[in-house]
Structures are given as structure tokens and as C-alpha cells.
PDB file of N, CA and C in Angstrom:
ATOM      1  N   MET A   1     170.952  56.294   6.978  1.00  0.00           N
ATOM      2  CA  MET A   1     171.194  54.868   6.926  1.00  0.00           C
ATOM      3  C   MET A   1     172.692  54.667   6.825  1.00  0.00           C
ATOM      4  N   LEU A   2     173.228  53.815   7.641  1.00  0.00           N
ATOM      5  CA  LEU A   2     174.653  53.531   7.648  1.00  0.00           C
ATOM      6  C   LEU A   2     174.889  52.244   6.888  1.00  0.00           C
ATOM      7  N   LYS A   3     175.783  52.318   5.927  1.00  0.00           N
ATOM      8  CA  LYS A   3     176.115  51.121   5.159  1.00  0.00           C
ATOM      9  C   LYS A   3     177.592  50.825   5.342  1.00  0.00           C
ATOM     10  N   ALA A   4     177.897  49.579   5.573  1.00  0.00           N
ATOM     11  CA  ALA A   4     179.289  49.177   5.733  1.00  0.00           C
ATOM     12  C   ALA A   4     179.592  48.030   4.795  1.00  0.00           C
ATOM     13  N   SER A   5     180.737  48.116   4.153  1.00  0.00           N
ATOM     14  CA  SER A   5     181.177  47.010   3.301  1.00  0.00           C
ATOM     15  C   SER A   5     182.686  46.871   3.480  1.00  0.00           C
ATOM     16  N   GLY A   6     183.090  45.766   4.005  1.00  0.00           N
ATOM     17  CA  GLY A   6     184.512  45.569   4.278  1.00  0.00           C
ATOM     18  C   GLY A   6     184.980  46.571   5.310  1.00  0.00           C
ATOM     19  N   THR A   7     186.035  47.305   4.968  1.00  0.00           N
ATOM     20  CA  THR A   7     186.530  48.327   5.888  1.00  0.00           C
ATOM     21  C   THR A   7     185.975  49.699   5.530  1.00  0.00           C
ATOM     22  N   ASP A   8     185.291  49.816   4.385  1.00  0.00           N
ATOM     23  CA  ASP A   8     184.718  51.095   3.973  1.00  0.00           C
ATOM     24  C   ASP A   8     183.359  51.293   4.628  1.00  0.00           C
ATOM     25  N   CYS A   9     183.091  52.495   5.031  1.00  0.00           N
ATOM     26  CA  CYS A   9     181.812  52.817   5.655  1.00  0.00           C
ATOM     27  C   CYS A   9     181.381  54.189   5.147  1.00  0.00           C
ATOM     28  N   HIS A  10     180.127  54.323   4.738  1.00  0.00           N
ATOM     29  CA  HIS A  10     179.632  55.630   4.321  1.00  0.00           C
ATOM     30  C   HIS A  10     178.201  55.806   4.798  1.00  0.00           C
ATOM     31  N   VAL A  11     177.786  57.051   4.871  1.00  0.00           N
ATOM     32  CA  VAL A  11     176.443  57.368   5.338  1.00  0.00           C
ATOM     33  C   VAL A  11     175.613  57.808   4.149  1.00  0.00           C
ATOM     34  N   GLU A  12     174.474  57.185   3.975  1.00  0.00           N
ATOM     35  CA  GLU A  12     173.542  57.559   2.922  1.00  0.00           C
ATOM     36  C   GLU A  12     172.518  58.511   3.535  1.00  0.00           C
ATOM     37  N   VAL A  13     172.436  59.724   2.989  1.00  0.00           N
ATOM     38  CA  VAL A  13     171.521  60.714   3.529  1.00  0.00           C
ATOM     39  C   VAL A  13     170.145  60.515   2.906  1.00  0.00           C
ATOM     40  N   LEU A  14     169.153  60.382   3.753  1.00  0.00           N
ATOM     41  CA  LEU A  14     167.784  60.197   3.304  1.00  0.00           C
ATOM     42  C   LEU A  14     166.970  61.421   3.680  1.00  0.00           C
ATOM     43  N   GLY A  15     166.060  61.830   2.825  1.00  0.00           N
ATOM     44  CA  GLY A  15     165.222  62.985   3.124  1.00  0.00           C
ATOM     45  C   GLY A  15     163.754  62.624   3.025  1.00  0.00           C
ATOM     46  N   GLY A  16     162.904  63.482   3.559  1.00  0.00           N
ATOM     47  CA  GLY A  16     161.471  63.299   3.444  1.00  0.00           C
ATOM     48  C   GLY A  16     160.863  62.344   4.443  1.00  0.00           C
ATOM     49  N   VAL A  17     161.619  61.955   5.464  1.00  0.00           N
ATOM     50  CA  VAL A  17     161.081  61.001   6.427  1.00  0.00           C
ATOM     51  C   VAL A  17     159.914  61.607   7.200  1.00  0.00           C
ATOM     52  N   GLY A  18     159.906  62.928   7.383  1.00  0.00           N
ATOM     53  CA  GLY A  18     158.805  63.585   8.074  1.00  0.00           C
ATOM     54  C   GLY A  18     157.474  63.337   7.404  1.00  0.00           C
ATOM     55  N   ASN A  19     157.470  63.356   6.075  1.00  0.00           N
ATOM     56  CA  ASN A  19     156.240  63.087   5.330  1.00  0.00           C
ATOM     57  C   ASN A  19     155.765  61.659   5.542  1.00  0.00           C
ATOM     58  N   LEU A  20     156.696  60.720   5.552  1.00  0.00           N
ATOM     59  CA  LEU A  20     156.336  59.317   5.779  1.00  0.00           C
ATOM     60  C   LEU A  20     155.770  59.113   7.178  1.00  0.00           C
ATOM     61  N   VAL A  21     156.389  59.749   8.163  1.00  0.00           N
ATOM     62  CA  VAL A  21     155.905  59.633   9.543  1.00  0.00           C
ATOM     63  C   VAL A  21     154.503  60.235   9.653  1.00  0.00           C
ATOM     64  N   ALA A  22     154.300  61.403   9.039  1.00  0.00           N
ATOM     65  CA  ALA A  22     152.984  62.050   9.075  1.00  0.00           C
ATOM     66  C   ALA A  22     151.920  61.153   8.441  1.00  0.00           C
ATOM     67  N   GLU A  23     152.242  60.529   7.320  1.00  0.00           N
ATOM     68  CA  GLU A  23     151.296  59.622   6.664  1.00  0.00           C
ATOM     69  C   GLU A  23     150.928  58.459   7.576  1.00  0.00           C
ATOM     70  N   GLU A  24     151.936  57.859   8.223  1.00  0.00           N
ATOM     71  CA  GLU A  24     151.682  56.718   9.105  1.00  0.00           C
ATOM     72  C   GLU A  24     150.834  57.128  10.312  1.00  0.00           C
ATOM     73  N   ILE A  25     151.136  58.287  10.881  1.00  0.00           N
ATOM     74  CA  ILE A  25     150.337  58.771  12.009  1.00  0.00           C
ATOM     75  C   ILE A  25     148.892  58.970  11.559  1.00  0.00           C
ATOM     76  N   GLY A  26     148.713  59.542  10.369  1.00  0.00           N
ATOM     77  CA  GLY A  26     147.373  59.740   9.827  1.00  0.00           C
ATOM     78  C   GLY A  26     146.625  58.433   9.632  1.00  0.00           C
ATOM     79  N   LYS A  27     147.319  57.431   9.119  1.00  0.00           N
ATOM     80  CA  LYS A  27     146.695  56.118   8.905  1.00  0.00           C
ATOM     81  C   LYS A  27     146.244  55.493  10.223  1.00  0.00           C
ATOM     82  N   HIS A  28     147.097  55.605  11.236  1.00  0.00           N
ATOM     83  CA  HIS A  28     146.810  54.952  12.512  1.00  0.00           C
ATOM     84  C   HIS A  28     145.811  55.710  13.387  1.00  0.00           C
ATOM     85  N   THR A  29     145.718  57.028  13.193  1.00  0.00           N
ATOM     86  CA  THR A  29     144.828  57.819  14.043  1.00  0.00           C
ATOM     87  C   THR A  29     143.549  58.258  13.343  1.00  0.00           C
ATOM     88  N   GLY A  30     143.552  58.206  11.998  1.00  0.00           N
ATOM     89  CA  GLY A  30     142.403  58.699  11.246  1.00  0.00           C
ATOM     90  C   GLY A  30     142.323  60.215  11.237  1.00  0.00           C
ATOM     91  N   LYS A  31     143.370  60.883  11.669  1.00  0.00           N
ATOM     92  CA  LYS A  31     143.412  62.348  11.718  1.00  0.00           C
ATOM     93  C   LYS A  31     144.279  62.881  10.582  1.00  0.00           C
ATOM     94  N   GLU A  32     143.932  64.091  10.127  1.00  0.00           N
ATOM     95  CA  GLU A  32     144.754  64.746   9.112  1.00  0.00           C
ATOM     96  C   GLU A  32     146.092  65.102   9.752  1.00  0.00           C
ATOM     97  N   THR A  33     147.178  64.789   9.069  1.00  0.00           N
ATOM     98  CA  THR A  33     148.510  65.114   9.584  1.00  0.00           C
ATOM     99  C   THR A  33     149.312  65.828   8.514  1.00  0.00           C
ATOM    100  N   ARG A  34     150.220  66.651   8.951  1.00  0.00           N
ATOM    101  CA  ARG A  34     151.111  67.376   8.041  1.00  0.00           C
ATOM    102  C   ARG A  34     152.500  67.395   8.658  1.00  0.00           C
ATOM    103  N   SER A  35     153.491  67.498   7.809  1.00  0.00           N
ATOM    104  CA  SER A  35     154.853  67.644   8.317  1.00  0.00           C
ATOM    105  C   SER A  35     155.399  68.993   7.857  1.00  0.00           C
ATOM    106  N   MET A  36     156.355  69.506   8.610  1.00  0.00           N
ATOM    107  CA  MET A  36     156.915  70.813   8.302  1.00  0.00           C
ATOM    108  C   MET A  36     158.354  70.849   8.794  1.00  0.00           C
ATOM    109  N   VAL A  37     159.205  71.534   8.043  1.00  0.00           N
ATOM    110  CA  VAL A  37     160.572  71.757   8.486  1.00  0.00           C
ATOM    111  C   VAL A  37     160.560  73.079   9.237  1.00  0.00           C
ATOM    112  N   LEU A  38     160.501  72.988  10.566  1.00  0.00           N
ATOM    113  CA  LEU A  38     160.294  74.158  11.398  1.00  0.00           C
ATOM    114  C   LEU A  38     161.409  75.182  11.280  1.00  0.00           C
ATOM    115  N   GLY A  39     162.637  74.724  11.216  1.00  0.00           N
ATOM    116  CA  GLY A  39     163.758  75.662  11.112  1.00  0.00           C
ATOM    117  C   GLY A  39     163.637  76.556   9.900  1.00  0.00           C
ATOM    118  N   HIS A  40     163.197  75.997   8.773  1.00  0.00           N
ATOM    119  CA  HIS A  40     163.044  76.789   7.556  1.00  0.00           C
ATOM    120  C   HIS A  40     161.960  77.832   7.746  1.00  0.00           C
ATOM    121  N   LEU A  41     160.858  77.458   8.344  1.00  0.00           N
ATOM    122  CA  LEU A  41     159.731  78.363   8.528  1.00  0.00           C
ATOM    123  C   LEU A  41     160.093  79.511   9.462  1.00  0.00           C
ATOM    124  N   GLN A  42     160.693  79.205  10.579  1.00  0.00           N
ATOM    125  CA  GLN A  42     160.971  80.217  11.584  1.00  0.00           C
ATOM    126  C   GLN A  42     162.174  81.087  11.257  1.00  0.00           C
ATOM    127  N   ARG A  43     163.185  80.497  10.704  1.00  0.00           N
ATOM    128  CA  ARG A  43     164.431  81.226  10.521  1.00  0.00           C
ATOM    129  C   ARG A  43     164.647  81.698   9.095  1.00  0.00           C
ATOM    130  N   GLY A  44     163.925  81.116   8.171  1.00  0.00           N
ATOM    131  CA  GLY A  44     164.083  81.528   6.779  1.00  0.00           C
ATOM    132  C   GLY A  44     165.412  81.122   6.179  1.00  0.00           C
ATOM    133  N   GLY A  45     166.061  80.128   6.728  1.00  0.00           N
ATOM    134  CA  GLY A  45     167.349  79.683   6.208  1.00  0.00           C
ATOM    135  C   GLY A  45     167.485  78.187   6.316  1.00  0.00           C
ATOM    136  N   ASN A  46     168.669  77.718   6.019  1.00  0.00           N
ATOM    137  CA  ASN A  46     168.926  76.290   6.126  1.00  0.00           C
ATOM    138  C   ASN A  46     168.986  75.884   7.590  1.00  0.00           C
ATOM    139  N   PRO A  47     168.507  74.681   7.913  1.00  0.00           N
ATOM    140  CA  PRO A  47     168.541  74.243   9.306  1.00  0.00           C
ATOM    141  C   PRO A  47     169.977  74.036   9.784  1.00  0.00           C
ATOM    142  N   THR A  48     170.219  74.412  11.027  1.00  0.00           N
ATOM    143  CA  THR A  48     171.535  74.211  11.639  1.00  0.00           C
ATOM    144  C   THR A  48     171.568  72.821  12.278  1.00  0.00           C
ATOM    145  N   THR A  49     172.725  72.456  12.757  1.00  0.00           N
ATOM    146  CA  THR A  49     172.854  71.183  13.467  1.00  0.00           C
ATOM    147  C   THR A  49     171.945  71.177  14.688  1.00  0.00           C
ATOM    148  N   PHE A  50     171.883  72.316  15.397  1.00  0.00           N
ATOM    149  CA  PHE A  50     171.000  72.422  16.555  1.00  0.00           C
ATOM    150  C   PHE A  50     169.549  72.175  16.144  1.00  0.00           C
ATOM    151  N   ASP A  51     169.103  72.806  15.039  1.00  0.00           N
ATOM    152  CA  ASP A  51     167.736  72.607  14.548  1.00  0.00           C
ATOM    153  C   ASP A  51     167.443  71.134  14.313  1.00  0.00           C
ATOM    154  N   ARG A  52     168.356  70.469  13.648  1.00  0.00           N
ATOM    155  CA  ARG A  52     168.155  69.057  13.316  1.00  0.00           C
ATOM    156  C   ARG A  52     168.108  68.177  14.570  1.00  0.00           C
ATOM    157  N   LEU A  53     169.008  68.436  15.504  1.00  0.00           N
ATOM    158  CA  LEU A  53     169.045  67.619  16.717  1.00  0.00           C
ATOM    159  C   LEU A  53     167.819  67.863  17.595  1.00  0.00           C
ATOM    160  N   VAL A  54     167.436  69.130  17.778  1.00  0.00           N
ATOM    161  CA  VAL A  54     166.262  69.418  18.599  1.00  0.00           C
ATOM    162  C   VAL A  54     165.010  68.872  17.924  1.00  0.00           C
ATOM    163  N   GLY A  55     164.925  69.001  16.604  1.00  0.00           N
ATOM    164  CA  GLY A  55     163.777  68.449  15.879  1.00  0.00           C
ATOM    165  C   GLY A  55     163.657  66.948  16.066  1.00  0.00           C
ATOM    166  N   THR A  56     164.780  66.270  15.998  1.00  0.00           N
ATOM    167  CA  THR A  56     164.788  64.816  16.205  1.00  0.00           C
ATOM    168  C   THR A  56     164.371  64.476  17.628  1.00  0.00           C
ATOM    169  N   ARG A  57     164.903  65.206  18.589  1.00  0.00           N
ATOM    170  CA  ARG A  57     164.560  64.947  19.989  1.00  0.00           C
ATOM    171  C   ARG A  57     163.088  65.268  20.271  1.00  0.00           C
ATOM    172  N   PHE A  58     162.568  66.357  19.662  1.00  0.00           N
ATOM    173  CA  PHE A  58     161.153  66.690  19.831  1.00  0.00           C
ATOM    174  C   PHE A  58     160.277  65.578  19.255  1.00  0.00           C
ATOM    175  N   GLY A  59     160.626  65.106  18.064  1.00  0.00           N
ATOM    176  CA  GLY A  59     159.846  64.038  17.440  1.00  0.00           C
ATOM    177  C   GLY A  59     159.849  62.771  18.276  1.00  0.00           C
ATOM    178  N   THR A  60     161.006  62.417  18.793  1.00  0.00           N
ATOM    179  CA  THR A  60     161.120  61.233  19.642  1.00  0.00           C
ATOM    180  C   THR A  60     160.275  61.387  20.904  1.00  0.00           C
ATOM    181  N   ALA A  61     160.345  62.573  21.509  1.00  0.00           N
ATOM    182  CA  ALA A  61     159.572  62.812  22.733  1.00  0.00           C
ATOM    183  C   ALA A  61     158.071  62.784  22.445  1.00  0.00           C
ATOM    184  N   ALA A  62     157.656  63.333  21.299  1.00  0.00           N
ATOM    185  CA  ALA A  62     156.235  63.334  20.939  1.00  0.00           C
ATOM    186  C   ALA A  62     155.718  61.911  20.746  1.00  0.00           C
ATOM    187  N   VAL A  63     156.491  61.081  20.066  1.00  0.00           N
ATOM    188  CA  VAL A  63     156.093  59.684  19.856  1.00  0.00           C
ATOM    189  C   VAL A  63     156.040  58.955  21.196  1.00  0.00           C
ATOM    190  N   ARG A  64     156.981  59.249  22.083  1.00  0.00           N
ATOM    191  CA  ARG A  64     156.980  58.624  23.410  1.00  0.00           C
ATOM    192  C   ARG A  64     155.712  59.009  24.178  1.00  0.00           C
ATOM    193  N   LEU A  65     155.323  60.290  24.118  1.00  0.00           N
ATOM    194  CA  LEU A  65     154.090  60.722  24.798  1.00  0.00           C
ATOM    195  C   LEU A  65     152.883  59.970  24.252  1.00  0.00           C
ATOM    196  N   ILE A  66     152.814  59.829  22.931  1.00  0.00           N
ATOM    197  CA  ILE A  66     151.691  59.109  22.308  1.00  0.00           C
ATOM    198  C   ILE A  66     151.682  57.659  22.774  1.00  0.00           C
ATOM    199  N   SER A  67     152.856  57.015  22.761  1.00  0.00           N
ATOM    200  CA  SER A  67     152.917  55.596  23.143  1.00  0.00           C
ATOM    201  C   SER A  67     152.555  55.386  24.611  1.00  0.00           C
ATOM    202  N   GLU A  68     152.771  56.409  25.434  1.00  0.00           N
ATOM    203  CA  GLU A  68     152.430  56.323  26.854  1.00  0.00           C
ATOM    204  C   GLU A  68     150.997  56.790  27.118  1.00  0.00           C
ATOM    205  N   GLY A  69     150.272  57.180  26.054  1.00  0.00           N
ATOM    206  CA  GLY A  69     148.892  57.632  26.207  1.00  0.00           C
ATOM    207  C   GLY A  69     148.768  58.994  26.871  1.00  0.00           C
ATOM    208  N   LYS A  70     149.823  59.791  26.820  1.00  0.00           N
ATOM    209  CA  LYS A  70     149.822  61.120  27.444  1.00  0.00           C
ATOM    210  C   LYS A  70     149.404  62.164  26.416  1.00  0.00           C
ATOM    211  N   PHE A  71     148.103  62.232  26.168  1.00  0.00           N
ATOM    212  CA  PHE A  71     147.573  63.183  25.202  1.00  0.00           C
ATOM    213  C   PHE A  71     147.296  64.511  25.899  1.00  0.00           C
ATOM    214  N   GLY A  72     147.118  65.580  25.115  1.00  0.00           N
ATOM    215  CA  GLY A  72     146.858  66.891  25.700  1.00  0.00           C
ATOM    216  C   GLY A  72     148.115  67.550  26.249  1.00  0.00           C
ATOM    217  N   ARG A  73     149.260  67.096  25.784  1.00  0.00           N
ATOM    218  CA  ARG A  73     150.540  67.669  26.210  1.00  0.00           C
ATOM    219  C   ARG A  73     151.323  68.085  24.982  1.00  0.00           C
ATOM    220  N   MET A  74     152.253  69.016  25.156  1.00  0.00           N
ATOM    221  CA  MET A  74     153.131  69.394  24.055  1.00  0.00           C
ATOM    222  C   MET A  74     154.572  69.284  24.510  1.00  0.00           C
ATOM    223  N   VAL A  75     155.424  68.940  23.568  1.00  0.00           N
ATOM    224  CA  VAL A  75     156.848  68.782  23.832  1.00  0.00           C
ATOM    225  C   VAL A  75     157.463  70.172  23.959  1.00  0.00           C
ATOM    226  N   CYS A  76     158.416  70.306  24.875  1.00  0.00           N
ATOM    227  CA  CYS A  76     159.085  71.599  25.053  1.00  0.00           C
ATOM    228  C   CYS A  76     160.548  71.380  25.413  1.00  0.00           C
ATOM    229  N   LEU A  77     161.321  72.422  25.215  1.00  0.00           N
ATOM    230  CA  LEU A  77     162.738  72.395  25.564  1.00  0.00           C
ATOM    231  C   LEU A  77     162.904  73.004  26.953  1.00  0.00           C
ATOM    232  N   LYS A  78     163.412  72.192  27.857  1.00  0.00           N
ATOM    233  CA  LYS A  78     163.759  72.655  29.209  1.00  0.00           C
ATOM    234  C   LYS A  78     165.256  72.392  29.337  1.00  0.00           C
ATOM    235  N   PRO A  79     166.084  73.309  28.813  1.00  0.00           N
ATOM    236  CA  PRO A  79     167.519  73.044  28.697  1.00  0.00           C
ATOM    237  C   PRO A  79     168.116  72.435  29.957  1.00  0.00           C
ATOM    238  N   PRO A  80     168.901  71.402  29.826  1.00  0.00           N
ATOM    239  CA  PRO A  80     169.314  70.737  28.589  1.00  0.00           C
ATOM    240  C   PRO A  80     168.398  69.588  28.192  1.00  0.00           C
ATOM    241  N   ASN A  81     167.225  69.483  28.786  1.00  0.00           N
ATOM    242  CA  ASN A  81     166.342  68.341  28.561  1.00  0.00           C
ATOM    243  C   ASN A  81     165.145  68.697  27.691  1.00  0.00           C
ATOM    244  N   ILE A  82     164.546  67.671  27.116  1.00  0.00           N
ATOM    245  CA  ILE A  82     163.280  67.801  26.408  1.00  0.00           C
ATOM    246  C   ILE A  82     162.212  67.326  27.387  1.00  0.00           C
ATOM    247  N   GLY A  83     161.171  68.118  27.562  1.00  0.00           N
ATOM    248  CA  GLY A  83     160.104  67.754  28.483  1.00  0.00           C
ATOM    249  C   GLY A  83     158.753  67.922  27.813  1.00  0.00           C
ATOM    250  N   SER A  84     157.712  67.982  28.616  1.00  0.00           N
ATOM    251  CA  SER A  84     156.380  68.232  28.076  1.00  0.00           C
ATOM    252  C   SER A  84     155.576  69.016  29.097  1.00  0.00           C
ATOM    253  N   VAL A  85     154.608  69.767  28.594  1.00  0.00           N
ATOM    254  CA  VAL A  85     153.715  70.555  29.441  1.00  0.00           C
ATOM    255  C   VAL A  85     152.298  70.356  28.939  1.00  0.00           C
ATOM    256  N   PRO A  86     151.306  70.516  29.814  1.00  0.00           N
ATOM    257  CA  PRO A  86     149.917  70.399  29.352  1.00  0.00           C
ATOM    258  C   PRO A  86     149.585  71.530  28.377  1.00  0.00           C
ATOM    259  N   TRP A  87     148.785  71.222  27.355  1.00  0.00           N
ATOM    260  CA  TRP A  87     148.357  72.238  26.390  1.00  0.00           C
ATOM    261  C   TRP A  87     147.715  73.414  27.097  1.00  0.00           C
ATOM    262  N   LYS A  88     146.845  73.136  28.039  1.00  0.00           N
ATOM    263  CA  LYS A  88     146.097  74.210  28.706  1.00  0.00           C
ATOM    264  C   LYS A  88     146.990  75.162  29.450  1.00  0.00           C
ATOM    265  N   LYS A  89     148.133  74.689  29.874  1.00  0.00           N
ATOM    266  CA  LYS A  89     149.072  75.552  30.592  1.00  0.00           C
ATOM    267  C   LYS A  89     149.692  76.590  29.662  1.00  0.00           C
ATOM    268  N   ARG A  90     149.815  76.271  28.375  1.00  0.00           N
ATOM    269  CA  ARG A  90     150.526  77.129  27.433  1.00  0.00           C
ATOM    270  C   ARG A  90     149.621  77.870  26.447  1.00  0.00           C
ATOM    271  N   LEU A  91     148.417  77.421  26.259  1.00  0.00           N
ATOM    272  CA  LEU A  91     147.551  78.053  25.273  1.00  0.00           C
ATOM    273  C   LEU A  91     146.497  78.935  25.941  1.00  0.00           C
ATOM    274  N   PRO A  92     146.337  80.170  25.455  1.00  0.00           N
ATOM    275  CA  PRO A  92     145.301  81.030  26.025  1.00  0.00           C
ATOM    276  C   PRO A  92     143.912  80.497  25.678  1.00  0.00           C
ATOM    277  N   SER A  93     142.915  80.828  26.499  1.00  0.00           N
ATOM    278  CA  SER A  93     141.547  80.338  26.273  1.00  0.00           C
ATOM    279  C   SER A  93     140.930  81.000  25.065  1.00  0.00           C
TER     280      SER A  93
END
């Protein structure tokens, strides 16, 4: 959240938004939802700037797919773009 007062400007860092988003998705879909900090799980360390930016872009792309009714797809990185592929294309039977 960006706050400005006069000529001073500072950024307030907020955390836990993933949990709030998961709760809202659960309320609207009736499905169990969970949030996870993927960088921590995969790398075992603090998230890098790349982790944070890709995570944000993945989340945005996932919400866009839902809003467009494109279910059965997963978000993927197709450098330098974020894209999507059908689940069946990527998951073994």
C-alpha cells in the first residue's frame, strides 16, 4: 500500500494477502483452498525478487483465466511471458 502525505511518501509492507485471496476464492467457489509461499517450499530460503514477481504474475494470470472461464488450464512461464497450458497436456494419466 502506498501512502503519501505532503511531499513525503512511504510504502507500507503488507503480508498474508495469499491467505485472504484463498479464503475469498473458497467462499465464491465452495471449494477448499490453500495458499503457499512457493519459493520457500522449493528453495528452502527467502524469496528473491524474481520469486515475488513471478508469483504475482502467476496469480494475476490465474485470476484472469478464472474470470475468462478458462478452466482446466494451468499457468506457466514461457519466457519472457506468462502463459497457460491445458492440464491434460502436462499431467500424466
